[in-house]
């Protein structure tokens, strides 16, 4: 029995490197949790010029680059790839493991929306007449979609107003500062003050937004399927 216990212990130790490497733990200097619930974990990354991050894992996720940049990713087998992004760009990633290095001469800022468990179908479905991209294509553009998310780019000019529409549960990532007046379906209103890089979770909702500021604002909305 003693020999069996030792064998099990050795096998456990041998398998340890294959366990998930959480970026919040192995890259604590650069990566912080901005928000987390049962369905998403939102990470906020800040990296310096030419700074490297340790090997880490991600589940499927959406990344939003706040600064733009050029990054080299290295996988566990040593293969590398370079990815150039523009400020405000949103992209999809399947589950992945890598280390990274900022190749540019400026600091990088990224928001990552990691996906956890799926939401119940009844909490997701929207009537076609409530779909923001269908009823207000001027302000809502679909960047991409798959079986887990639909990602919208939302832009409002000063004083511009939408029509009443709905969203499934979502994460908003604000690309600019601004103010938005939100009118709910019951007529109640509130004013939302936005900051660059701010993230906000919302459950399934219905509202009528309006730019209450004097400047345009822009955000990325990650809707959960």
C-alpha atoms as a PDB file:
ATOM      1  CA  UNK A   1       0.000   0.000   0.000  1.00  0.00           C
ATOM      2  CA  UNK A   2       2.888   2.330   0.825  1.00  0.00           C
ATOM      3  CA  UNK A   3       4.360   1.790  -2.660  1.00  0.00           C
ATOM      4  CA  UNK A   4       0.996   2.449  -4.286  1.00  0.00           C
ATOM      5  CA  UNK A   5       0.659   5.723  -2.371  1.00  0.00           C
ATOM      6  CA  UNK A   6       4.099   6.847  -3.528  1.00  0.00           C
ATOM      7  CA  UNK A   7       3.257   5.979  -7.132  1.00  0.00           C
ATOM      8  CA  UNK A   8       0.026   7.985  -6.987  1.00  0.00           C
ATOM      9  CA  UNK A   9       1.857  10.933  -5.456  1.00  0.00           C
ATOM     10  CA  UNK A  10       4.520  10.847  -8.182  1.00  0.00           C
ATOM     11  CA  UNK A  11       1.885  10.664 -10.912  1.00  0.00           C
ATOM     12  CA  UNK A  12       0.092  13.633  -9.370  1.00  0.00           C
ATOM     13  CA  UNK A  13       3.290  15.671  -9.315  1.00  0.00           C
ATOM     14  CA  UNK A  14       4.097  14.689 -12.886  1.00  0.00           C
ATOM     15  CA  UNK A  15       0.734  15.937 -14.064  1.00  0.00           C
ATOM     16  CA  UNK A  16       0.909  19.229 -12.154  1.00  0.00           C
ATOM     17  CA  UNK A  17       2.424  21.314 -15.005  1.00  0.00           C
ATOM     18  CA  UNK A  18      -0.558  20.437 -17.209  1.00  0.00           C
ATOM     19  CA  UNK A  19      -3.011  22.046 -14.790  1.00  0.00           C
ATOM     20  CA  UNK A  20      -4.535  25.388 -15.709  1.00  0.00           C
ATOM     21  CA  UNK A  21      -2.216  28.344 -15.181  1.00  0.00           C
ATOM     22  CA  UNK A  22      -4.380  31.299 -14.200  1.00  0.00           C
ATOM     23  CA  UNK A  23      -3.060  34.589 -15.650  1.00  0.00           C
ATOM     24  CA  UNK A  24      -4.290  36.448 -12.568  1.00  0.00           C
ATOM     25  CA  UNK A  25      -1.841  34.368 -10.519  1.00  0.00           C
ATOM     26  CA  UNK A  26       1.124  33.909 -12.851  1.00  0.00           C
ATOM     27  CA  UNK A  27       0.942  37.428 -14.359  1.00  0.00           C
ATOM     28  CA  UNK A  28      -0.429  39.269 -11.330  1.00  0.00           C
ATOM     29  CA  UNK A  29       1.525  42.433 -12.164  1.00  0.00           C
ATOM     30  CA  UNK A  30      -0.152  42.824 -15.549  1.00  0.00           C
ATOM     31  CA  UNK A  31      -3.535  41.107 -15.131  1.00  0.00           C
ATOM     32  CA  UNK A  32      -6.390  41.990 -12.765  1.00  0.00           C
ATOM     33  CA  UNK A  33      -9.974  40.759 -12.469  1.00  0.00           C
ATOM     34  CA  UNK A  34     -12.299  43.620 -13.370  1.00  0.00           C
ATOM     35  CA  UNK A  35     -15.512  41.630 -12.885  1.00  0.00           C
ATOM     36  CA  UNK A  36     -16.637  38.038 -12.385  1.00  0.00           C
ATOM     37  CA  UNK A  37     -19.883  36.110 -12.033  1.00  0.00           C
ATOM     38  CA  UNK A  38     -21.158  32.627 -12.938  1.00  0.00           C
ATOM     39  CA  UNK A  39     -21.033  33.347 -16.675  1.00  0.00           C
ATOM     40  CA  UNK A  40     -17.978  35.508 -17.364  1.00  0.00           C
ATOM     41  CA  UNK A  41     -14.693  36.617 -15.897  1.00  0.00           C
ATOM     42  CA  UNK A  42     -13.474  39.958 -17.220  1.00  0.00           C
ATOM     43  CA  UNK A  43      -9.727  40.585 -17.114  1.00  0.00           C
ATOM     44  CA  UNK A  44      -8.000  43.944 -17.414  1.00  0.00           C
ATOM     45  CA  UNK A  45      -4.432  43.791 -18.763  1.00  0.00           C
ATOM     46  CA  UNK A  46      -1.808  46.537 -18.609  1.00  0.00           C
ATOM     47  CA  UNK A  47       1.606  45.758 -20.066  1.00  0.00           C
ATOM     48  CA  UNK A  48       4.650  47.946 -20.505  1.00  0.00           C
ATOM     49  CA  UNK A  49       6.717  48.305 -23.700  1.00  0.00           C
ATOM     50  CA  UNK A  50       8.511  45.025 -24.535  1.00  0.00           C
ATOM     51  CA  UNK A  51       7.142  43.465 -21.346  1.00  0.00           C
ATOM     52  CA  UNK A  52       6.682  39.687 -21.202  1.00  0.00           C
ATOM     53  CA  UNK A  53       4.023  37.596 -19.471  1.00  0.00           C
ATOM     54  CA  UNK A  54       4.418  34.073 -18.128  1.00  0.00           C
ATOM     55  CA  UNK A  55       2.791  31.000 -19.694  1.00  0.00           C
ATOM     56  CA  UNK A  56      -0.937  30.967 -18.885  1.00  0.00           C
ATOM     57  CA  UNK A  57      -4.311  29.535 -19.948  1.00  0.00           C
ATOM     58  CA  UNK A  58      -7.522  31.080 -21.210  1.00  0.00           C
ATOM     59  CA  UNK A  59     -10.929  29.551 -21.902  1.00  0.00           C
ATOM     60  CA  UNK A  60     -12.837  30.795 -24.955  1.00  0.00           C
ATOM     61  CA  UNK A  61     -12.975  34.573 -24.803  1.00  0.00           C
ATOM     62  CA  UNK A  62     -13.425  37.938 -26.497  1.00  0.00           C
ATOM     63  CA  UNK A  63     -10.508  40.395 -26.360  1.00  0.00           C
ATOM     64  CA  UNK A  64     -10.893  44.142 -26.796  1.00  0.00           C
ATOM     65  CA  UNK A  65      -7.709  46.132 -27.382  1.00  0.00           C
ATOM     66  CA  UNK A  66      -7.902  49.595 -25.834  1.00  0.00           C
ATOM     67  CA  UNK A  67      -4.494  50.743 -27.047  1.00  0.00           C
ATOM     68  CA  UNK A  68      -3.602  48.676 -30.103  1.00  0.00           C
ATOM     69  CA  UNK A  69      -0.220  47.032 -30.401  1.00  0.00           C
ATOM     70  CA  UNK A  70       1.898  44.200 -31.716  1.00  0.00           C
ATOM     71  CA  UNK A  71       2.225  41.076 -29.557  1.00  0.00           C
ATOM     72  CA  UNK A  72       4.220  37.882 -29.944  1.00  0.00           C
ATOM     73  CA  UNK A  73       2.539  34.785 -28.486  1.00  0.00           C
ATOM     74  CA  UNK A  74       4.523  31.636 -27.703  1.00  0.00           C
ATOM     75  CA  UNK A  75       2.743  28.300 -27.243  1.00  0.00           C
ATOM     76  CA  UNK A  76       4.016  25.493 -24.957  1.00  0.00           C
ATOM     77  CA  UNK A  77       5.649  23.740 -27.939  1.00  0.00           C
ATOM     78  CA  UNK A  78       7.748  26.829 -28.667  1.00  0.00           C
ATOM     79  CA  UNK A  79       5.866  27.942 -31.772  1.00  0.00           C
ATOM     80  CA  UNK A  80       5.295  31.696 -32.041  1.00  0.00           C
ATOM     81  CA  UNK A  81       2.857  33.977 -33.793  1.00  0.00           C
ATOM     82  CA  UNK A  82       2.686  37.744 -33.982  1.00  0.00           C
ATOM     83  CA  UNK A  83      -0.643  39.548 -33.783  1.00  0.00           C
ATOM     84  CA  UNK A  84      -1.117  43.217 -34.565  1.00  0.00           C
ATOM     85  CA  UNK A  85      -4.232  44.933 -33.245  1.00  0.00           C
ATOM     86  CA  UNK A  86      -5.747  48.383 -33.587  1.00  0.00           C
ATOM     87  CA  UNK A  87      -7.201  50.425 -30.747  1.00  0.00           C
ATOM     88  CA  UNK A  88     -10.836  49.427 -30.248  1.00  0.00           C
ATOM     89  CA  UNK A  89     -10.481  46.113 -32.087  1.00  0.00           C
ATOM     90  CA  UNK A  90     -12.488  43.137 -30.792  1.00  0.00           C
ATOM     91  CA  UNK A  91     -11.466  39.544 -31.538  1.00  0.00           C
ATOM     92  CA  UNK A  92     -12.495  35.984 -30.684  1.00  0.00           C
ATOM     93  CA  UNK A  93     -10.148  33.325 -29.261  1.00  0.00           C
ATOM     94  CA  UNK A  94     -10.742  29.631 -28.704  1.00  0.00           C
ATOM     95  CA  UNK A  95      -9.262  28.128 -25.509  1.00  0.00           C
ATOM     96  CA  UNK A  96      -5.504  28.708 -25.596  1.00  0.00           C
ATOM     97  CA  UNK A  97      -2.279  28.513 -23.620  1.00  0.00           C
ATOM     98  CA  UNK A  98       0.619  30.876 -24.272  1.00  0.00           C
ATOM     99  CA  UNK A  99       3.127  33.357 -22.981  1.00  0.00           C
ATOM    100  CA  UNK A 100       3.344  36.792 -24.594  1.00  0.00           C
ATOM    101  CA  UNK A 101       5.637  39.733 -25.280  1.00  0.00           C
ATOM    102  CA  UNK A 102       4.735  43.283 -26.288  1.00  0.00           C
ATOM    103  CA  UNK A 103       6.837  44.132 -29.328  1.00  0.00           C
ATOM    104  CA  UNK A 104       5.891  47.786 -29.631  1.00  0.00           C
ATOM    105  CA  UNK A 105       7.354  50.759 -27.860  1.00  0.00           C
ATOM    106  CA  UNK A 106       4.231  51.725 -25.947  1.00  0.00           C
ATOM    107  CA  UNK A 107       2.168  50.344 -23.086  1.00  0.00           C
ATOM    108  CA  UNK A 108      -0.697  48.022 -23.950  1.00  0.00           C
ATOM    109  CA  UNK A 109      -4.202  47.838 -22.464  1.00  0.00           C
ATOM    110  CA  UNK A 110      -6.578  44.968 -23.149  1.00  0.00           C
ATOM    111  CA  UNK A 111      -9.924  43.835 -21.752  1.00  0.00           C
ATOM    112  CA  UNK A 112     -10.657  40.108 -22.029  1.00  0.00           C
ATOM    113  CA  UNK A 113     -14.107  38.600 -21.485  1.00  0.00           C
ATOM    114  CA  UNK A 114     -13.547  34.955 -20.568  1.00  0.00           C
ATOM    115  CA  UNK A 115     -16.606  32.739 -20.975  1.00  0.00           C
ATOM    116  CA  UNK A 116     -17.723  30.340 -18.264  1.00  0.00           C
ATOM    117  CA  UNK A 117     -20.990  28.372 -18.162  1.00  0.00           C
ATOM    118  CA  UNK A 118     -23.788  29.052 -20.635  1.00  0.00           C
ATOM    119  CA  UNK A 119     -26.972  30.861 -19.656  1.00  0.00           C
ATOM    120  CA  UNK A 120     -30.366  29.129 -19.824  1.00  0.00           C
ATOM    121  CA  UNK A 121     -32.098  29.500 -23.201  1.00  0.00           C
ATOM    122  CA  UNK A 122     -35.009  31.428 -21.705  1.00  0.00           C
ATOM    123  CA  UNK A 123     -32.592  34.031 -20.346  1.00  0.00           C
ATOM    124  CA  UNK A 124     -31.055  34.618 -23.778  1.00  0.00           C
ATOM    125  CA  UNK A 125     -33.770  34.729 -26.435  1.00  0.00           C
ATOM    126  CA  UNK A 126     -34.986  38.097 -27.705  1.00  0.00           C
ATOM    127  CA  UNK A 127     -37.886  38.858 -29.987  1.00  0.00           C
ATOM    128  CA  UNK A 128     -36.756  39.937 -33.458  1.00  0.00           C
ATOM    129  CA  UNK A 129     -38.524  43.270 -32.970  1.00  0.00           C
ATOM    130  CA  UNK A 130     -36.230  43.960 -29.985  1.00  0.00           C
ATOM    131  CA  UNK A 131     -32.933  43.200 -31.724  1.00  0.00           C
ATOM    132  CA  UNK A 132     -30.757  46.325 -31.563  1.00  0.00           C
ATOM    133  CA  UNK A 133     -28.866  45.571 -34.779  1.00  0.00           C
ATOM    134  CA  UNK A 134     -32.157  45.078 -36.651  1.00  0.00           C
ATOM    135  CA  UNK A 135     -34.153  48.026 -35.314  1.00  0.00           C
ATOM    136  CA  UNK A 136     -31.249  50.512 -35.084  1.00  0.00           C
ATOM    137  CA  UNK A 137     -28.506  49.577 -37.583  1.00  0.00           C
ATOM    138  CA  UNK A 138     -27.183  53.148 -37.549  1.00  0.00           C
ATOM    139  CA  UNK A 139     -25.854  52.769 -34.030  1.00  0.00           C
ATOM    140  CA  UNK A 140     -25.424  48.984 -33.658  1.00  0.00           C
ATOM    141  CA  UNK A 141     -23.123  46.971 -35.938  1.00  0.00           C
ATOM    142  CA  UNK A 142     -22.355  43.256 -35.561  1.00  0.00           C
ATOM    143  CA  UNK A 143     -18.577  42.741 -35.416  1.00  0.00           C
ATOM    144  CA  UNK A 144     -18.838  38.941 -35.283  1.00  0.00           C
ATOM    145  CA  UNK A 145     -20.917  36.180 -33.741  1.00  0.00           C
ATOM    146  CA  UNK A 146     -20.749  32.460 -33.024  1.00  0.00           C
ATOM    147  CA  UNK A 147     -22.543  29.952 -30.802  1.00  0.00           C
ATOM    148  CA  UNK A 148     -21.286  31.642 -27.594  1.00  0.00           C
ATOM    149  CA  UNK A 149     -21.440  35.388 -28.247  1.00  0.00           C
ATOM    150  CA  UNK A 150     -22.547  38.184 -30.495  1.00  0.00           C
ATOM    151  CA  UNK A 151     -20.233  41.189 -30.415  1.00  0.00           C
ATOM    152  CA  UNK A 152     -21.616  44.624 -31.290  1.00  0.00           C
ATOM    153  CA  UNK A 153     -19.831  47.889 -31.960  1.00  0.00           C
ATOM    154  CA  UNK A 154     -21.991  50.754 -30.707  1.00  0.00           C
ATOM    155  CA  UNK A 155     -21.478  54.385 -31.752  1.00  0.00           C
ATOM    156  CA  UNK A 156     -23.568  57.450 -30.924  1.00  0.00           C
ATOM    157  CA  UNK A 157     -22.969  61.018 -32.056  1.00  0.00           C
ATOM    158  CA  UNK A 158     -23.726  63.968 -29.749  1.00  0.00           C
ATOM    159  CA  UNK A 159     -27.436  64.104 -28.919  1.00  0.00           C
ATOM    160  CA  UNK A 160     -28.256  61.004 -30.998  1.00  0.00           C
ATOM    161  CA  UNK A 161     -31.037  58.782 -29.771  1.00  0.00           C
ATOM    162  CA  UNK A 162     -32.001  55.172 -30.416  1.00  0.00           C
ATOM    163  CA  UNK A 163     -35.359  53.382 -30.291  1.00  0.00           C
ATOM    164  CA  UNK A 164     -36.557  50.982 -27.617  1.00  0.00           C
ATOM    165  CA  UNK A 165     -34.735  47.656 -28.012  1.00  0.00           C
ATOM    166  CA  UNK A 166     -33.400  44.727 -25.985  1.00  0.00           C
ATOM    167  CA  UNK A 167     -30.182  42.860 -25.238  1.00  0.00           C
ATOM    168  CA  UNK A 168     -29.503  39.445 -23.726  1.00  0.00           C
ATOM    169  CA  UNK A 169     -27.092  39.356 -20.774  1.00  0.00           C
ATOM    170  CA  UNK A 170     -23.965  41.242 -21.784  1.00  0.00           C
ATOM    171  CA  UNK A 171     -20.659  42.872 -20.927  1.00  0.00           C
ATOM    172  CA  UNK A 172     -20.116  46.456 -22.101  1.00  0.00           C
ATOM    173  CA  UNK A 173     -16.544  47.664 -22.650  1.00  0.00           C
ATOM    174  CA  UNK A 174     -16.333  51.436 -23.088  1.00  0.00           C
ATOM    175  CA  UNK A 175     -13.817  52.677 -25.661  1.00  0.00           C
ATOM    176  CA  UNK A 176     -14.426  56.367 -24.999  1.00  0.00           C
ATOM    177  CA  UNK A 177     -15.657  58.567 -22.182  1.00  0.00           C
ATOM    178  CA  UNK A 178     -19.155  59.993 -22.372  1.00  0.00           C
ATOM    179  CA  UNK A 179     -22.628  60.158 -20.922  1.00  0.00           C
ATOM    180  CA  UNK A 180     -25.651  58.106 -21.908  1.00  0.00           C
ATOM    181  CA  UNK A 181     -29.240  58.625 -20.795  1.00  0.00           C
ATOM    182  CA  UNK A 182     -30.994  55.276 -20.506  1.00  0.00           C
ATOM    183  CA  UNK A 183     -34.790  55.045 -20.537  1.00  0.00           C
ATOM    184  CA  UNK A 184     -36.199  51.696 -19.406  1.00  0.00           C
ATOM    185  CA  UNK A 185     -39.389  50.122 -20.749  1.00  0.00           C
ATOM    186  CA  UNK A 186     -41.261  51.360 -17.647  1.00  0.00           C
ATOM    187  CA  UNK A 187     -40.242  54.954 -18.413  1.00  0.00           C
ATOM    188  CA  UNK A 188     -37.664  55.280 -15.649  1.00  0.00           C
ATOM    189  CA  UNK A 189     -34.403  57.001 -16.649  1.00  0.00           C
ATOM    190  CA  UNK A 190     -30.831  57.149 -15.430  1.00  0.00           C
ATOM    191  CA  UNK A 191     -27.630  58.726 -16.737  1.00  0.00           C
ATOM    192  CA  UNK A 192     -24.582  56.524 -17.187  1.00  0.00           C
ATOM    193  CA  UNK A 193     -21.138  58.150 -16.983  1.00  0.00           C
ATOM    194  CA  UNK A 194     -18.581  56.201 -19.048  1.00  0.00           C
ATOM    195  CA  UNK A 195     -14.797  56.040 -18.743  1.00  0.00           C
ATOM    196  CA  UNK A 196     -12.281  54.532 -21.177  1.00  0.00           C
ATOM    197  CA  UNK A 197     -11.693  50.892 -20.268  1.00  0.00           C
ATOM    198  CA  UNK A 198     -14.666  50.703 -17.908  1.00  0.00           C
ATOM    199  CA  UNK A 199     -16.596  47.423 -17.987  1.00  0.00           C
ATOM    200  CA  UNK A 200     -20.209  46.855 -17.011  1.00  0.00           C
ATOM    201  CA  UNK A 201     -22.339  43.727 -16.672  1.00  0.00           C
ATOM    202  CA  UNK A 202     -26.070  43.768 -17.442  1.00  0.00           C
ATOM    203  CA  UNK A 203     -28.666  41.026 -17.321  1.00  0.00           C
ATOM    204  CA  UNK A 204     -31.225  40.734 -20.113  1.00  0.00           C
ATOM    205  CA  UNK A 205     -32.578  44.246 -20.533  1.00  0.00           C
ATOM    206  CA  UNK A 206     -34.768  46.542 -22.617  1.00  0.00           C
ATOM    207  CA  UNK A 207     -34.049  50.247 -22.943  1.00  0.00           C
ATOM    208  CA  UNK A 208     -33.804  53.340 -25.114  1.00  0.00           C
ATOM    209  CA  UNK A 209     -30.327  54.954 -25.007  1.00  0.00           C
ATOM    210  CA  UNK A 210     -29.448  58.553 -25.867  1.00  0.00           C
ATOM    211  CA  UNK A 211     -26.105  60.355 -26.005  1.00  0.00           C
ATOM    212  CA  UNK A 212     -26.476  62.920 -23.221  1.00  0.00           C
ATOM    213  CA  UNK A 213     -23.022  64.411 -23.792  1.00  0.00           C
ATOM    214  CA  UNK A 214     -21.451  66.836 -26.239  1.00  0.00           C
ATOM    215  CA  UNK A 215     -19.035  64.298 -27.779  1.00  0.00           C
ATOM    216  CA  UNK A 216     -19.460  60.988 -29.623  1.00  0.00           C
ATOM    217  CA  UNK A 217     -19.107  57.788 -27.613  1.00  0.00           C
ATOM    218  CA  UNK A 218     -18.213  54.236 -28.611  1.00  0.00           C
ATOM    219  CA  UNK A 219     -18.294  50.870 -26.903  1.00  0.00           C
ATOM    220  CA  UNK A 220     -18.098  47.156 -27.560  1.00  0.00           C
ATOM    221  CA  UNK A 221     -20.998  45.015 -26.300  1.00  0.00           C
ATOM    222  CA  UNK A 222     -20.414  41.291 -25.784  1.00  0.00           C
ATOM    223  CA  UNK A 223     -23.831  39.600 -25.776  1.00  0.00           C
ATOM    224  CA  UNK A 224     -23.990  36.069 -24.388  1.00  0.00           C
ATOM    225  CA  UNK A 225     -25.717  33.368 -26.416  1.00  0.00           C
END
